[in-house]
């Protein structure tokens, strides 16, 4: 009986202690300012620590295309090819493992943390198509620059490639003379058949 009373008392005390912490934090929310009142975002940017790992800053002028950053990426979100340098931020986990192996220090983590877009296509950033200030690492990555990189105006008229010429029909021409050569062989048989009626008349 004593053990049962002790267990009931212990359970009531532990529940009361947990609820006290919960109620204390709930009351603190009414005393402190909200996040937007404290930082007034986006009018005033949120302070970021120097070692914050935000969206990348990339200097296209110093990149030598060694592909070391793409090989070091554990999620394969960096694509380097002839057309440009792309990072898929739907897969990037901001681990900064792509920064250390770069021999020319052209890629490093920036302080930008907000890249809101309306589609997943906006999360794939082609640094070669960005405006010059952002592509050369002089300005931080921003949604306006990403949107500008997606609107690439092409030429008004493009000359279409000429259709391939039809192949010469040499095998068909080689097969046609064979029936023509067989025709003269059967031709002498016809006059012979025509001579037979004349012999009967005589």
Protein backbone atom coordinates (compact mmCIF):
# COMPACT_ATOMS: atom_id res chain seq x y z
CA UNK A 1 0.00 0.00 0.00
CA UNK A 2 2.86 2.38 0.81
CA UNK A 3 4.51 1.67 -2.57
CA UNK A 4 1.29 2.48 -4.38
CA UNK A 5 0.91 5.81 -2.55
CA UNK A 6 4.56 6.63 -3.22
CA UNK A 7 4.13 5.94 -6.95
CA UNK A 8 1.00 8.10 -7.13
CA UNK A 9 2.76 10.96 -5.32
CA UNK A 10 5.83 10.69 -7.59
CA UNK A 11 3.72 10.73 -10.76
CA UNK A 12 1.78 13.82 -9.61
CA UNK A 13 5.00 15.67 -8.76
CA UNK A 14 6.66 14.89 -12.11
CA UNK A 15 3.58 15.95 -14.08
CA UNK A 16 3.31 19.17 -12.06
CA UNK A 17 7.01 19.96 -12.62
CA UNK A 18 6.71 19.44 -16.40
CA UNK A 19 3.54 21.52 -16.64
CA UNK A 20 5.21 24.31 -14.64
CA UNK A 21 8.01 24.58 -17.21
CA UNK A 22 5.49 24.55 -20.05
CA UNK A 23 3.33 27.26 -18.47
CA UNK A 24 6.38 29.39 -17.66
CA UNK A 25 7.53 29.39 -21.30
CA UNK A 26 4.00 30.10 -22.48
CA UNK A 27 3.77 33.17 -20.25
CA UNK A 28 7.17 34.39 -21.47
CA UNK A 29 5.81 34.65 -25.03
CA UNK A 30 3.44 37.40 -23.89
CA UNK A 31 6.24 39.38 -22.25
CA UNK A 32 8.86 39.37 -25.01
CA UNK A 33 8.62 40.87 -28.49
CA UNK A 34 7.92 38.75 -31.52
CA UNK A 35 10.61 37.98 -34.07
CA UNK A 36 9.36 40.56 -36.55
CA UNK A 37 9.09 43.25 -33.85
CA UNK A 38 12.61 42.58 -32.63
CA UNK A 39 14.39 42.49 -36.01
CA UNK A 40 11.86 44.30 -38.23
CA UNK A 41 12.60 41.88 -41.05
CA UNK A 42 13.00 42.45 -44.00
CA UNK A 43 13.49 46.21 -43.50
CA UNK A 44 16.34 45.49 -41.09
CA UNK A 45 18.32 42.33 -41.82
CA UNK A 46 18.79 39.71 -39.17
CA UNK A 47 22.34 39.78 -37.73
CA UNK A 48 24.38 36.84 -38.97
CA UNK A 49 27.51 35.41 -37.39
CA UNK A 50 30.77 35.51 -39.41
CA UNK A 51 30.91 31.72 -39.72
CA UNK A 52 27.29 31.38 -40.83
CA UNK A 53 26.89 28.93 -43.72
CA UNK A 54 24.39 30.56 -46.05
CA UNK A 55 23.94 30.47 -49.80
CA UNK A 56 27.19 30.22 -51.72
CA UNK A 57 29.15 33.09 -53.16
CA UNK A 58 30.97 32.10 -56.32
CA UNK A 59 33.62 33.96 -58.31
CA UNK A 60 33.29 32.90 -61.93
CA UNK A 61 36.44 34.75 -63.00
CA UNK A 62 38.82 32.65 -60.89
CA UNK A 63 37.16 29.24 -61.32
CA UNK A 64 39.41 26.85 -63.26
CA UNK A 65 36.79 24.12 -63.67
CA UNK A 66 38.76 21.50 -61.75
CA UNK A 67 35.52 19.81 -60.57
CA UNK A 68 36.91 19.26 -57.05
CA UNK A 69 33.97 20.94 -55.35
CA UNK A 70 31.50 18.76 -57.25
CA UNK A 71 33.40 15.61 -56.28
CA UNK A 72 33.55 16.66 -52.62
CA UNK A 73 29.79 17.33 -52.44
CA UNK A 74 28.17 14.44 -50.54
CA UNK A 75 24.73 14.95 -52.15
CA UNK A 76 25.91 15.70 -55.74
CA UNK A 77 24.17 19.06 -56.02
CA UNK A 78 26.96 20.84 -57.95
CA UNK A 79 26.99 20.52 -61.75
CA UNK A 80 29.95 21.77 -63.75
CA UNK A 81 29.88 21.49 -67.54
CA UNK A 82 30.57 23.53 -70.66
CA UNK A 83 27.43 25.62 -70.22
CA UNK A 84 28.11 26.81 -66.68
CA UNK A 85 28.29 26.19 -62.95
CA UNK A 86 25.00 25.15 -61.32
CA UNK A 87 24.01 24.37 -57.74
CA UNK A 88 20.74 22.62 -56.91
CA UNK A 89 19.66 24.09 -53.57
CA UNK A 90 16.82 21.58 -53.24
CA UNK A 91 19.53 19.03 -52.42
CA UNK A 92 22.26 21.19 -50.85
CA UNK A 93 22.66 20.70 -47.09
CA UNK A 94 25.08 23.64 -46.57
CA UNK A 95 27.86 21.49 -45.16
CA UNK A 96 30.64 23.67 -46.70
CA UNK A 97 32.58 20.59 -47.81
CA UNK A 98 32.83 22.13 -51.29
CA UNK A 99 34.75 25.15 -49.99
CA UNK A 100 37.88 23.47 -48.64
CA UNK A 101 39.07 21.52 -51.72
CA UNK A 102 38.88 24.54 -54.06
CA UNK A 103 42.49 25.40 -55.02
CA UNK A 104 41.71 29.00 -56.03
CA UNK A 105 39.14 29.85 -53.32
CA UNK A 106 36.46 30.83 -55.81
CA UNK A 107 33.56 29.32 -53.84
CA UNK A 108 32.73 30.04 -50.23
CA UNK A 109 29.70 30.21 -47.99
CA UNK A 110 27.85 33.51 -47.95
CA UNK A 111 25.61 35.19 -45.41
CA UNK A 112 22.39 35.08 -47.44
CA UNK A 113 19.70 32.88 -45.92
CA UNK A 114 16.51 33.85 -47.77
CA UNK A 115 16.00 32.72 -51.37
CA UNK A 116 12.24 32.35 -51.53
CA UNK A 117 10.90 31.29 -54.91
CA UNK A 118 7.54 30.31 -56.33
CA UNK A 119 8.82 27.22 -58.13
CA UNK A 120 11.49 24.58 -57.71
CA UNK A 121 13.18 25.81 -60.84
CA UNK A 122 14.26 28.88 -58.91
CA UNK A 123 16.23 26.68 -56.51
CA UNK A 124 18.60 25.60 -59.30
CA UNK A 125 21.03 28.49 -59.63
CA UNK A 126 23.25 28.82 -62.70
CA UNK A 127 26.05 31.14 -61.61
CA UNK A 128 27.20 31.61 -65.21
CA UNK A 129 23.82 33.12 -66.13
CA UNK A 130 23.63 35.50 -63.15
CA UNK A 131 24.29 39.24 -63.49
CA UNK A 132 27.98 40.17 -63.55
CA UNK A 133 28.10 41.55 -60.00
CA UNK A 134 26.73 38.33 -58.55
CA UNK A 135 28.55 35.95 -60.89
CA UNK A 136 31.90 37.56 -60.11
CA UNK A 137 31.36 37.31 -56.35
CA UNK A 138 31.09 41.07 -55.79
CA UNK A 139 27.44 40.88 -54.67
CA UNK A 140 25.62 38.29 -52.59
CA UNK A 141 23.09 35.94 -54.09
CA UNK A 142 19.56 37.34 -54.06
CA UNK A 143 16.18 36.28 -55.47
CA UNK A 144 16.16 39.16 -57.96
CA UNK A 145 19.42 38.02 -59.53
CA UNK A 146 18.17 34.43 -59.72
CA UNK A 147 14.96 35.54 -61.41
CA UNK A 148 16.99 37.61 -63.89
CA UNK A 149 19.12 34.60 -64.76
CA UNK A 150 16.01 32.60 -65.67
CA UNK A 151 14.83 35.23 -68.18
CA UNK A 152 17.34 34.75 -70.96
CA UNK A 153 16.21 36.37 -74.20
CA UNK A 154 17.13 34.40 -77.29
CA UNK A 155 17.43 35.61 -80.89
CA UNK A 156 14.28 36.57 -82.75
CA UNK A 157 14.94 34.15 -85.61
CA UNK A 158 17.17 31.14 -85.69
CA UNK A 159 18.24 29.43 -88.88
CA UNK A 160 17.10 25.87 -88.68
CA UNK A 161 19.55 23.19 -89.75
CA UNK A 162 19.09 21.83 -93.24
CA UNK A 163 17.31 18.49 -93.39
CA UNK A 164 19.59 15.55 -94.18
CA UNK A 165 19.81 14.60 -97.85
CA UNK A 166 18.23 11.28 -98.86
CA UNK A 167 20.66 8.46 -99.30
CA UNK A 168 21.50 7.42 -102.90
CA UNK A 169 19.48 4.40 -104.03
CA UNK A 170 22.42 2.42 -105.43
CA UNK A 171 21.27 -1.02 -104.21
CA UNK A 172 17.88 -0.57 -105.90
CA UNK A 173 19.45 0.42 -109.24
CA UNK A 174 21.73 -2.64 -109.18
CA UNK A 175 18.73 -4.92 -108.72
CA UNK A 176 16.75 -3.49 -111.68
CA UNK A 177 19.04 -4.73 -114.58
CA UNK A 178 18.55 -8.36 -113.57
CA UNK A 179 14.91 -8.62 -114.87
CA UNK A 180 15.87 -6.70 -118.06
CA UNK A 181 18.56 -9.26 -118.89
CA UNK A 182 16.08 -12.11 -118.44
CA UNK A 183 13.63 -10.58 -120.96
CA UNK A 184 15.78 -11.17 -124.14
CA UNK A 185 16.14 -14.85 -123.26
CA UNK A 186 12.36 -15.36 -123.48
CA UNK A 187 11.92 -13.15 -126.56
CA UNK A 188 13.06 -15.70 -129.25
CA UNK A 189 10.43 -18.17 -128.08
CA UNK A 190 7.62 -15.87 -129.25
CA UNK A 191 8.57 -15.80 -132.99
CA UNK A 192 8.94 -19.54 -133.01
CA UNK A 193 5.39 -19.91 -131.80
CA UNK A 194 4.24 -17.49 -134.49
CA UNK A 195 5.85 -19.54 -137.28
CA UNK A 196 3.83 -22.66 -136.52
CA UNK A 197 0.51 -21.32 -137.88
CA UNK A 198 2.18 -20.36 -141.16
CA UNK A 199 3.51 -23.87 -141.62
CA UNK A 200 -0.01 -25.29 -141.26
CA UNK A 201 -1.36 -22.97 -143.95
CA UNK A 202 1.20 -24.14 -146.50
